[in-house]
Amino acid sequence: MRTSLVGALILVGVVAVVSGCRKIGLPEVHGRAAVEETLPSGDVVPAAWGRLAGVSSIGDYPDLAQLWFEDGNGVIRIVVFRVSTGELLKARRLARG
């Protein structure tokens, strides 16, 4: 008797917790997260873009690297760099929010 009462209470507790759960939706995206930047010169990153904060790469694109820059205001810019030719391909500024 006591075992069935404890089991029933556990079952009621589980049902109460599960019924209170709901799926969390995806966060809303307001506009684009990255904005295209124009490199003033095709082979130079402007000093105003700040310090080199990091370098990353993607295994599927071994010839490309992403150079991450952060300026004094905390603005992050990513510059795509082709390793074999030493050329800067494009830049993006991350929107902050």
Protein backbone atom coordinates (compact mmCIF):
# COMPACT_ATOMS: atom_id res chain seq x y z
CA MET A 1 0.00 0.00 0.00
CA ARG A 2 2.71 2.43 1.00
CA THR A 3 4.74 1.61 -2.15
CA SER A 4 1.80 2.26 -4.45
CA LEU A 5 1.10 5.58 -2.69
CA VAL A 6 4.71 6.71 -3.15
CA GLY A 7 4.62 5.57 -6.79
CA ALA A 8 1.38 7.48 -7.40
CA LEU A 9 2.85 10.66 -5.86
CA ILE A 10 5.97 10.35 -8.03
CA LEU A 11 3.81 9.84 -11.12
CA VAL A 12 1.70 12.92 -10.28
CA GLY A 13 4.88 14.95 -9.77
CA VAL A 14 6.37 13.84 -13.10
CA VAL A 15 3.12 14.60 -14.95
CA ALA A 16 2.97 18.07 -13.35
CA VAL A 17 6.56 18.89 -14.34
CA VAL A 18 6.25 17.55 -17.89
CA SER A 19 2.96 19.33 -18.55
CA GLY A 20 4.59 22.63 -17.58
CA CYS A 21 7.31 22.25 -20.20
CA ARG A 22 7.11 23.87 -23.60
CA LYS A 23 9.40 24.09 -26.58
CA ILE A 24 11.57 27.17 -26.66
CA GLY A 25 11.45 28.94 -30.01
CA LEU A 26 14.40 30.29 -31.97
CA PRO A 27 15.57 33.79 -31.06
CA GLU A 28 14.35 36.63 -33.24
CA VAL A 29 16.88 37.98 -35.71
CA HIS A 30 16.65 41.68 -36.43
CA GLY A 31 18.50 42.33 -39.67
CA ARG A 32 21.84 40.87 -40.64
CA ALA A 33 24.43 39.98 -38.03
CA ALA A 34 27.35 40.84 -40.33
CA VAL A 35 27.58 43.94 -42.50
CA GLU A 36 29.83 44.10 -45.57
CA GLU A 37 32.82 46.41 -45.09
CA THR A 38 34.92 47.97 -47.81
CA LEU A 39 38.65 47.53 -47.53
CA PRO A 40 40.16 50.96 -48.36
CA SER A 41 43.08 49.20 -50.00
CA GLY A 42 42.99 45.68 -51.42
CA ASP A 43 46.09 44.56 -49.56
CA VAL A 44 46.12 46.52 -46.28
CA VAL A 45 43.92 46.31 -43.19
CA PRO A 46 43.41 49.85 -41.79
CA ALA A 47 45.11 50.49 -38.45
CA ALA A 48 41.83 52.02 -37.21
CA TRP A 49 40.30 48.54 -37.27
CA GLY A 50 42.35 47.80 -34.17
CA ARG A 51 44.38 44.86 -32.99
CA LEU A 52 44.41 41.35 -34.43
CA ALA A 53 42.29 39.48 -31.91
CA GLY A 54 42.38 36.03 -33.52
CA VAL A 55 42.79 33.87 -36.59
CA SER A 56 40.52 31.01 -37.60
CA SER A 57 40.12 28.63 -40.51
CA ILE A 58 37.67 26.07 -41.89
CA GLY A 59 38.85 22.59 -42.82
CA ASP A 60 36.85 22.61 -46.08
CA TYR A 61 38.73 25.73 -47.25
CA PRO A 62 42.41 25.19 -46.36
CA ASP A 63 43.57 28.14 -48.47
CA LEU A 64 41.44 30.68 -46.57
CA ALA A 65 41.81 32.17 -43.11
CA GLN A 66 39.64 34.62 -41.19
CA LEU A 67 41.48 37.44 -39.44
CA TRP A 68 39.50 38.85 -36.50
CA PHE A 69 40.15 42.50 -35.55
CA GLU A 70 38.78 44.46 -32.58
CA ASP A 71 39.01 48.23 -32.32
CA GLY A 72 39.02 50.38 -29.17
CA ASN A 73 35.19 50.65 -29.21
CA GLY A 74 34.74 46.87 -29.25
CA VAL A 75 33.73 46.69 -32.92
CA ILE A 76 34.68 43.31 -34.39
CA ARG A 77 35.67 42.95 -38.06
CA ILE A 78 36.46 39.76 -39.94
CA VAL A 79 38.76 39.84 -42.96
CA VAL A 80 38.98 36.81 -45.28
CA PHE A 81 42.58 36.19 -46.30
CA ARG A 82 43.76 33.87 -49.11
CA VAL A 83 46.96 32.27 -47.83
CA SER A 84 48.42 31.17 -51.18
CA THR A 85 48.28 34.63 -52.78
CA GLY A 86 48.41 36.86 -49.70
CA GLU A 87 45.29 38.69 -50.84
CA LEU A 88 42.50 40.10 -48.69
CA LEU A 89 39.20 39.00 -50.23
CA LYS A 90 36.43 40.65 -48.23
CA ALA A 91 35.62 42.11 -44.83
CA ARG A 92 32.59 42.12 -42.57
CA ARG A 93 31.69 44.09 -39.48
CA LEU A 94 29.72 42.25 -36.82
CA ALA A 95 26.65 44.09 -35.65
CA ARG A 96 26.41 44.41 -31.89
CA GLY A 97 23.44 44.88 -29.98
